[in-house]
Amino acid sequence: MIELPPLSLYVHIPWCVRKCPYCDFNSHQAREGIPEQDYLKALLRDLDQEVERLSQTNTLRRLTSIFFGGGTPSLLQPETIGSILQHVANTIGFEDNIEITLEANPGTVDSDKFKGLRQAGINRLSIGIQSFQPRHLETLGRIHTSTEASHAIAVAREAGFDNINLDLMFGLPDQTTEEALHDIQTAQALAPEHLSWYQLTIEPNTEFYRHPPRLPEDDDLWNMHQKGIETLSKAGFEQYEVSAFAKPDRQAQHNLNYWQFGDYIAIGAGAHGKATIPEEGRIQRYWKTRLPQHYLNRIDHYRAGEESIAAEDLPFEFLMNALRLKQGVESELFSRRTGLPQNNIAPTLQDLRNKGLLSTSRLQCSEQGYLYLNEVLQQFM
């Protein structure tokens, strides 16, 4: 039997001030302002429909985390965020110590907004900085300066936030190792509880894909990566996922639920969700209407599509997430979350263990296996 995993909520806000040239997320430049109240009404209707579905299958349970992503959620007024959270609390309910994160762009916030967001119920911020160096910020199309980024963190602290993540990127066009390490050191000086540090990749449907910039050579990227991890480790940040580093007990609970194959309700334009239905022995993925205007025009239902994950795809789906974690997961979690016996993947596990790529006691990559994670995962496809 598949067990019911923890349940999270993802809320997608699809607008931003300006589309960054590297961004392949469902984000759209707000050229004529945001239809905030109309979108709020749509989000609440969307949520009610998902709650009704879960209630019909007896799989509704209290939320362990909420994440407002985008786009730029910090464009919304705190009162709008508060209305969403109040409705969620009334219709679903929160587990104790729920983590509620909102992504913020330093160019869209001030002291009053941060105070309003904290009062509305947000207890964790994820601030997108990407770099502290002016030439890289310009290349990346960011709307904030290095000074504004540092100021945003200071006013967030004044507003009462004691759990802050900073997003940084490396492997930027013409970036040197020294510049990448300088960004890390600048971030460390601001004393965040969490750092997301990930390599720039060129994705289809982006400006960088249409007009590719000159990126660092592979050897330079490897050097940045290794020295960056060493620098973060010395500063007390533990790498617990491929691109996630945290101070003790400050891991992102929402993302951990993703990586441990938990469930998540998804509302908003283009949002993707996952639902476990034990009595039917299946796991479902679904996605919402992508374009904001199309989403706003829908009332009857907001799902654009849904599908059950085929049994033969479940091992890869599970391990693609679980093996991203540095410590992996306990072996029993595979059967509890997929409903499949571990015998289904035992020969592949043993082969990878014989090659020294997997731990012998957990579903966890060895140090060598972690370096070749994509190759390890391909064995389960």
Protein backbone atom coordinates (compact mmCIF):
# COMPACT_ATOMS: atom_id res chain seq x y z
CA MET A 1 0.00 0.00 0.00
CA ILE A 2 1.09 3.51 -0.77
CA GLU A 3 1.11 5.66 2.34
CA LEU A 4 -0.07 9.25 2.41
CA PRO A 5 3.00 11.51 2.50
CA PRO A 6 3.09 15.05 3.91
CA LEU A 7 1.11 17.67 2.00
CA SER A 8 2.38 21.09 0.89
CA LEU A 9 0.90 23.95 -1.11
CA TYR A 10 2.52 25.78 -4.01
CA VAL A 11 1.08 29.14 -5.13
CA HIS A 12 2.33 30.50 -8.46
CA ILE A 13 2.42 34.23 -9.15
CA PRO A 14 3.20 34.56 -12.86
CA TRP A 15 4.16 38.23 -13.18
CA CYS A 16 7.49 40.01 -12.88
CA VAL A 17 8.78 43.52 -13.52
CA ARG A 18 11.06 42.35 -16.32
CA LYS A 19 11.74 38.92 -17.79
CA CYS A 20 15.34 37.86 -17.13
CA PRO A 21 17.20 36.49 -20.18
CA TYR A 22 18.02 33.17 -18.46
CA CYS A 23 14.54 32.51 -17.02
CA ASP A 24 12.46 29.64 -18.41
CA PHE A 25 9.82 29.74 -15.66
CA ASN A 26 6.21 30.66 -16.34
CA SER A 27 6.72 34.38 -15.76
CA HIS A 28 5.36 37.31 -17.74
CA GLN A 29 6.31 40.96 -17.69
CA ALA A 30 3.63 43.06 -16.02
CA ARG A 31 3.50 45.78 -18.65
CA GLU A 32 0.13 47.20 -17.61
CA GLY A 33 0.04 46.31 -13.93
CA ILE A 34 -1.27 43.17 -12.26
CA PRO A 35 -4.98 42.26 -12.04
CA GLU A 36 -4.37 41.47 -8.39
CA GLN A 37 -7.93 41.15 -7.12
CA ASP A 38 -9.09 39.10 -10.09
CA TYR A 39 -6.12 36.78 -9.66
CA LEU A 40 -6.83 36.47 -5.94
CA LYS A 41 -10.40 35.36 -6.67
CA ALA A 42 -9.15 32.85 -9.23
CA LEU A 43 -6.58 31.42 -6.82
CA LEU A 44 -9.20 30.90 -4.12
CA ARG A 45 -11.58 29.18 -6.55
CA ASP A 46 -8.68 27.04 -7.78
CA LEU A 47 -7.82 26.06 -4.21
CA ASP A 48 -11.43 25.21 -3.37
CA GLN A 49 -11.60 22.88 -6.36
CA GLU A 50 -8.42 21.07 -5.29
CA VAL A 51 -9.65 20.77 -1.71
CA GLU A 52 -12.91 19.26 -2.97
CA ARG A 53 -10.97 16.67 -5.01
CA LEU A 54 -8.85 15.67 -2.02
CA SER A 55 -11.87 15.49 0.26
CA GLN A 56 -13.64 13.12 -2.15
CA THR A 57 -10.70 10.69 -1.94
CA ASN A 58 -10.21 11.18 1.83
CA THR A 59 -6.66 12.43 1.24
CA LEU A 60 -6.98 15.97 2.60
CA ARG A 61 -4.58 16.62 5.48
CA ARG A 62 -3.04 19.63 7.15
CA LEU A 63 -0.26 21.46 5.34
CA THR A 64 3.37 21.17 6.39
CA SER A 65 4.59 24.02 4.15
CA ILE A 66 3.47 26.70 1.70
CA PHE A 67 5.59 28.30 -1.02
CA PHE A 68 4.73 31.42 -3.02
CA GLY A 69 6.83 31.23 -6.20
CA GLY A 70 6.95 32.94 -9.53
CA GLY A 71 7.48 35.24 -11.28
CA THR A 72 7.81 37.73 -8.48
CA PRO A 73 5.36 37.10 -5.61
CA SER A 74 6.66 40.16 -3.77
CA LEU A 75 4.84 42.29 -6.37
CA LEU A 76 1.58 41.42 -4.57
CA GLN A 77 0.34 43.48 -1.66
CA PRO A 78 0.69 41.91 1.80
CA GLU A 79 -3.09 42.11 2.20
CA THR A 80 -3.50 39.82 -0.83
CA ILE A 81 -1.04 37.30 0.60
CA GLY A 82 -2.85 37.49 3.93
CA SER A 83 -6.22 36.79 2.26
CA ILE A 84 -4.79 33.69 0.59
CA LEU A 85 -3.28 32.37 3.81
CA GLN A 86 -6.45 32.99 5.79
CA HIS A 87 -8.51 31.09 3.22
CA VAL A 88 -6.00 28.23 3.24
CA ALA A 89 -6.09 28.08 7.03
CA ASN A 90 -9.89 27.96 7.00
CA THR A 91 -10.23 25.30 4.30
CA ILE A 92 -7.24 23.02 4.95
CA GLY A 93 -5.43 23.93 8.14
CA PHE A 94 -1.77 24.05 9.13
CA GLU A 95 0.49 21.60 10.90
CA ASP A 96 2.37 23.00 13.88
CA ASN A 97 5.52 24.92 12.88
CA ILE A 98 4.41 25.23 9.26
CA GLU A 99 7.00 26.85 6.98
CA ILE A 100 5.53 29.58 4.75
CA THR A 101 7.98 30.94 2.17
CA LEU A 102 7.66 33.81 -0.27
CA GLU A 103 10.10 34.59 -3.08
CA ALA A 104 11.11 38.25 -3.13
CA ASN A 105 13.03 40.42 -5.57
CA PRO A 106 15.12 43.11 -3.83
CA GLY A 107 13.87 45.61 -6.39
CA THR A 108 10.21 45.17 -5.38
CA VAL A 109 10.25 45.43 -1.59
CA ASP A 110 10.69 47.99 1.15
CA SER A 111 10.44 48.04 4.93
CA ASP A 112 6.66 48.46 5.01
CA LYS A 113 6.07 45.60 2.58
CA PHE A 114 8.32 43.23 4.53
CA LYS A 115 6.52 44.15 7.76
CA GLY A 116 3.19 43.57 6.06
CA LEU A 117 4.28 40.19 4.71
CA ARG A 118 5.47 39.11 8.15
CA GLN A 119 2.17 40.16 9.71
CA ALA A 120 0.29 38.32 6.96
CA GLY A 121 1.92 35.06 8.04
CA ILE A 122 5.03 34.66 5.87
CA ASN A 123 7.80 33.26 8.10
CA ARG A 124 10.53 32.54 5.54
CA LEU A 125 11.86 34.64 2.67
CA SER A 126 13.72 33.50 -0.42
CA ILE A 127 15.45 36.56 -1.86
CA GLY A 128 16.64 36.32 -5.45
CA ILE A 129 20.00 38.08 -5.73
CA GLN A 130 21.96 35.92 -8.24
CA SER A 131 25.08 38.10 -7.98
CA PHE A 132 26.41 41.06 -6.05
CA GLN A 133 28.50 42.37 -8.94
CA PRO A 134 27.10 45.18 -11.12
CA ARG A 135 28.27 43.85 -14.48
CA HIS A 136 26.78 40.42 -13.82
CA LEU A 137 23.52 41.89 -12.53
CA GLU A 138 23.26 43.88 -15.76
CA THR A 139 23.99 40.83 -17.92
CA LEU A 140 21.38 38.81 -16.04
CA GLY A 141 18.77 41.53 -16.48
CA ARG A 142 18.20 41.97 -12.76
CA ILE A 143 16.25 45.06 -11.67
CA HIS A 144 18.17 45.58 -8.43
CA THR A 145 21.65 46.71 -7.46
CA SER A 146 24.06 45.05 -5.05
CA THR A 147 23.33 47.79 -2.51
CA GLU A 148 19.58 47.18 -2.81
CA ALA A 149 20.13 43.46 -2.27
CA SER A 150 22.03 44.02 0.96
CA HIS A 151 19.48 46.60 2.09
CA ALA A 152 16.60 44.19 1.43
CA ILE A 153 18.10 41.67 3.84
CA ALA A 154 18.64 44.32 6.50
CA VAL A 155 15.03 45.54 6.35
CA ALA A 156 13.78 41.94 6.30
CA ARG A 157 15.57 41.38 9.60
CA GLU A 158 14.06 44.56 11.00
CA ALA A 159 10.63 43.26 9.97
CA GLY A 160 11.15 40.15 12.09
CA PHE A 161 12.30 37.51 9.59
CA ASP A 162 14.71 35.04 11.14
CA ASN A 163 14.71 32.50 8.29
CA ILE A 164 16.08 33.84 5.00
CA ASN A 165 17.36 32.11 1.89
CA LEU A 166 19.51 33.89 -0.68
CA ASP A 167 19.60 32.73 -4.30
CA LEU A 168 23.00 32.94 -6.01
CA MET A 169 24.18 31.71 -9.40
CA PHE A 170 27.62 30.77 -10.70
CA GLY A 171 28.98 30.04 -14.15
CA LEU A 172 27.77 33.45 -15.34
CA PRO A 173 28.93 34.90 -18.67
CA ASP A 174 32.65 35.72 -18.44
CA GLN A 175 32.63 35.09 -14.67
CA THR A 176 35.90 34.20 -12.96
CA THR A 177 36.32 31.86 -10.00
CA GLU A 178 37.34 34.83 -7.87
CA GLU A 179 34.12 36.64 -8.73
CA ALA A 180 32.01 33.57 -7.93
CA LEU A 181 33.70 33.19 -4.54
CA HIS A 182 33.31 36.91 -3.87
CA ASP A 183 29.55 36.55 -4.29
CA ILE A 184 29.51 33.71 -1.75
CA GLN A 185 31.61 35.68 0.72
CA THR A 186 29.40 38.75 0.33
CA ALA A 187 26.33 36.61 0.97
CA GLN A 188 27.94 35.00 4.03
CA ALA A 189 28.57 38.42 5.54
CA LEU A 190 24.80 39.02 5.46
CA ALA A 191 24.31 35.92 7.67
CA PRO A 192 21.46 34.12 5.88
CA GLU A 193 20.18 30.83 7.28
CA HIS A 194 20.12 29.20 3.84
CA LEU A 195 21.82 29.60 0.47
CA SER A 196 20.69 28.27 -2.89
CA TRP A 197 23.80 28.25 -5.10
CA TYR A 198 23.30 26.86 -8.56
CA GLN A 199 24.95 26.89 -11.95
CA LEU A 200 23.52 28.97 -14.77
CA THR A 201 22.22 26.69 -17.52
CA ILE A 202 20.94 27.82 -20.89
CA GLU A 203 17.34 26.67 -21.29
CA PRO A 204 15.13 26.69 -24.43
CA ASN A 205 12.65 29.54 -24.81
CA THR A 206 14.98 32.05 -23.16
CA GLU A 207 16.81 35.08 -24.51
CA PHE A 208 20.14 33.42 -23.65
CA TYR A 209 19.12 30.41 -25.76
CA ARG A 210 18.37 32.63 -28.75
CA HIS A 211 21.53 34.68 -28.25
CA PRO A 212 23.98 32.49 -26.27
CA PRO A 213 26.46 34.36 -24.09
CA ARG A 214 30.04 33.20 -23.59
CA LEU A 215 30.11 30.98 -20.51
CA PRO A 216 33.15 29.81 -18.52
CA GLU A 217 34.99 26.68 -19.69
CA ASP A 218 34.15 23.32 -18.07
CA ASP A 219 37.40 23.27 -16.06
CA ASP A 220 36.66 26.74 -14.69
CA LEU A 221 33.10 25.70 -13.79
CA TRP A 222 34.41 22.66 -11.92
CA ASN A 223 36.89 24.85 -10.05
CA MET A 224 34.15 27.34 -9.10
CA HIS A 225 31.92 24.50 -7.91
CA GLN A 226 34.53 22.78 -5.77
CA LYS A 227 35.96 25.94 -4.23
CA GLY A 228 32.45 27.31 -3.65
CA ILE A 229 31.41 24.20 -1.71
CA GLU A 230 34.62 24.38 0.35
CA THR A 231 33.97 28.06 1.14
CA LEU A 232 30.39 27.40 2.17
CA SER A 233 31.39 24.44 4.33
CA LYS A 234 33.99 26.49 6.19
CA ALA A 235 31.29 29.11 6.88
CA GLY A 236 29.05 26.52 8.55
CA PHE A 237 26.71 25.75 5.64
CA GLU A 238 25.95 22.08 5.10
CA GLN A 239 25.24 20.95 1.54
CA TYR A 240 22.12 18.82 1.89
CA GLU A 241 21.00 18.88 -1.76
CA VAL A 242 22.70 19.48 -5.11
CA SER A 243 22.32 23.27 -4.94
CA ALA A 244 21.04 23.82 -1.37
CA PHE A 245 23.16 24.77 1.65
CA ALA A 246 21.83 25.41 5.13
CA LYS A 247 22.88 26.27 8.64
CA PRO A 248 21.96 23.53 11.17
CA ASP A 249 18.21 22.78 11.25
CA ARG A 250 17.48 25.39 8.57
CA GLN A 251 16.86 23.16 5.55
CA ALA A 252 13.96 24.23 3.33
CA GLN A 253 11.07 22.05 4.51
CA HIS A 254 9.00 22.71 1.40
CA ASN A 255 11.76 21.54 -0.93
CA LEU A 256 12.53 18.56 1.29
CA ASN A 257 8.94 17.46 0.77
CA TYR A 258 9.47 17.59 -3.00
CA TRP A 259 12.72 15.61 -2.79
CA GLN A 260 11.20 13.01 -0.47
CA PHE A 261 8.34 12.45 -2.93
CA GLY A 262 5.70 14.19 -0.85
CA ASP A 263 2.42 15.58 -2.17
CA TYR A 264 1.71 19.19 -3.04
CA ILE A 265 -1.39 21.08 -4.04
CA ALA A 266 -0.64 23.53 -6.83
CA ILE A 267 -2.66 26.64 -7.61
CA GLY A 268 -2.01 29.48 -10.01
CA ALA A 269 -1.21 29.84 -13.70
CA GLY A 270 1.04 27.02 -14.89
CA ALA A 271 1.45 25.45 -11.45
CA HIS A 272 2.21 21.69 -11.23
CA GLY A 273 0.92 19.45 -8.42
CA LYS A 274 1.20 15.86 -7.19
CA ALA A 275 -1.45 13.79 -5.40
CA THR A 276 -1.24 10.31 -3.86
CA ILE A 277 -4.50 8.31 -3.91
CA PRO A 278 -3.84 5.18 -1.82
CA GLU A 279 -7.24 3.50 -2.22
CA GLU A 280 -6.76 3.58 -6.00
CA GLY A 281 -3.11 2.63 -5.76
CA ARG A 282 -1.90 5.49 -7.90
CA ILE A 283 0.02 8.74 -7.89
CA GLN A 284 -1.20 11.61 -10.03
CA ARG A 285 0.49 14.65 -11.46
CA TYR A 286 -1.50 17.61 -12.77
CA TRP A 287 -0.89 21.05 -14.16
CA LYS A 288 -2.80 24.28 -14.49
CA THR A 289 -3.61 26.54 -17.44
CA ARG A 290 -0.35 28.30 -18.20
CA LEU A 291 -1.08 31.77 -19.61
CA PRO A 292 -2.30 34.23 -16.94
CA GLN A 293 -5.15 35.62 -19.03
CA HIS A 294 -6.39 32.14 -19.93
CA TYR A 295 -6.19 31.17 -16.27
CA LEU A 296 -8.21 34.24 -15.26
CA ASN A 297 -10.87 33.42 -17.85
CA ARG A 298 -11.46 29.91 -16.49
CA ILE A 299 -14.05 29.32 -13.77
CA ASP A 300 -15.29 25.73 -14.06
CA HIS A 301 -11.87 24.19 -13.58
CA TYR A 302 -8.26 25.34 -13.72
CA ARG A 303 -6.52 22.07 -14.52
CA ALA A 304 -5.13 21.93 -18.05
CA GLY A 305 -4.16 18.26 -17.74
CA GLU A 306 -3.50 15.35 -15.41
CA GLU A 307 -1.97 11.89 -15.59
CA SER A 308 -1.19 8.97 -13.33
CA ILE A 309 2.48 8.01 -13.10
CA ALA A 310 2.95 4.60 -14.71
CA ALA A 311 4.31 1.89 -12.38
CA GLU A 312 7.39 1.43 -14.58
CA ASP A 313 8.19 5.16 -14.26
CA LEU A 314 7.82 5.39 -10.49
CA PRO A 315 11.34 4.21 -9.56
CA PHE A 316 12.95 6.91 -11.68
CA GLU A 317 10.47 9.55 -10.52
CA PHE A 318 11.17 8.73 -6.88
CA LEU A 319 14.95 8.41 -7.15
CA MET A 320 15.31 11.48 -9.38
CA ASN A 321 14.22 13.43 -6.32
CA ALA A 322 15.54 11.36 -3.40
CA LEU A 323 19.08 10.95 -4.71
CA ARG A 324 19.47 14.72 -5.04
CA LEU A 325 19.65 14.76 -1.25
CA LYS A 326 23.23 14.41 0.02
CA GLN A 327 22.08 11.98 2.72
CA GLY A 328 19.55 10.30 0.45
CA VAL A 329 16.57 8.65 2.19
CA GLU A 330 16.00 5.50 4.21
CA SER A 331 15.47 2.48 1.97
CA GLU A 332 11.96 1.80 3.26
CA LEU A 333 10.72 5.14 1.98
CA PHE A 334 10.77 3.83 -1.60
CA SER A 335 7.99 1.30 -0.96
CA ARG A 336 6.05 3.59 1.37
CA ARG A 337 5.90 6.41 -1.18
CA THR A 338 5.55 4.39 -4.41
CA GLY A 339 3.68 1.26 -3.28
CA LEU A 340 6.28 -0.85 -5.12
CA PRO A 341 8.47 -3.54 -3.53
CA GLN A 342 12.14 -2.65 -3.47
CA ASN A 343 12.76 -5.92 -5.32
CA ASN A 344 11.75 -4.03 -8.45
CA ILE A 345 14.99 -2.07 -8.35
CA ALA A 346 17.19 -4.47 -6.33
CA PRO A 347 19.40 -5.63 -9.27
CA THR A 348 20.14 -2.04 -10.33
CA LEU A 349 20.83 -1.00 -6.74
CA GLN A 350 23.23 -3.89 -6.27
CA ASP A 351 25.05 -3.12 -9.51
CA LEU A 352 25.52 0.52 -8.51
CA ARG A 353 26.67 -0.53 -5.03
CA ASN A 354 29.19 -2.93 -6.54
CA LYS A 355 30.56 0.01 -8.54
CA GLY A 356 30.85 2.12 -5.39
CA LEU A 357 28.24 4.65 -6.56
CA LEU A 358 25.57 3.99 -3.91
CA SER A 359 25.60 3.54 -0.15
CA THR A 360 25.10 -0.01 1.10
CA SER A 361 22.57 0.90 3.79
CA ARG A 362 20.42 3.72 2.38
CA LEU A 363 19.15 5.03 -0.94
CA GLN A 364 22.03 7.45 -1.04
CA CYS A 365 24.81 8.23 -3.49
CA SER A 366 28.38 7.74 -2.41
CA GLU A 367 30.69 10.73 -2.76
CA GLN A 368 31.71 9.39 -6.17
CA GLY A 369 28.11 8.67 -7.16
CA TYR A 370 27.03 12.17 -6.21
CA LEU A 371 29.55 13.58 -8.69
CA TYR A 372 27.93 11.48 -11.43
CA LEU A 373 24.31 11.78 -10.31
CA ASN A 374 22.86 11.99 -13.82
CA GLU A 375 24.62 8.79 -14.85
CA VAL A 376 23.37 7.03 -11.71
CA LEU A 377 19.78 8.11 -12.39
CA GLN A 378 19.92 6.93 -15.99
CA GLN A 379 20.23 3.36 -14.71
CA PHE A 380 16.63 3.60 -13.40
CA MET A 381 15.05 4.98 -16.56
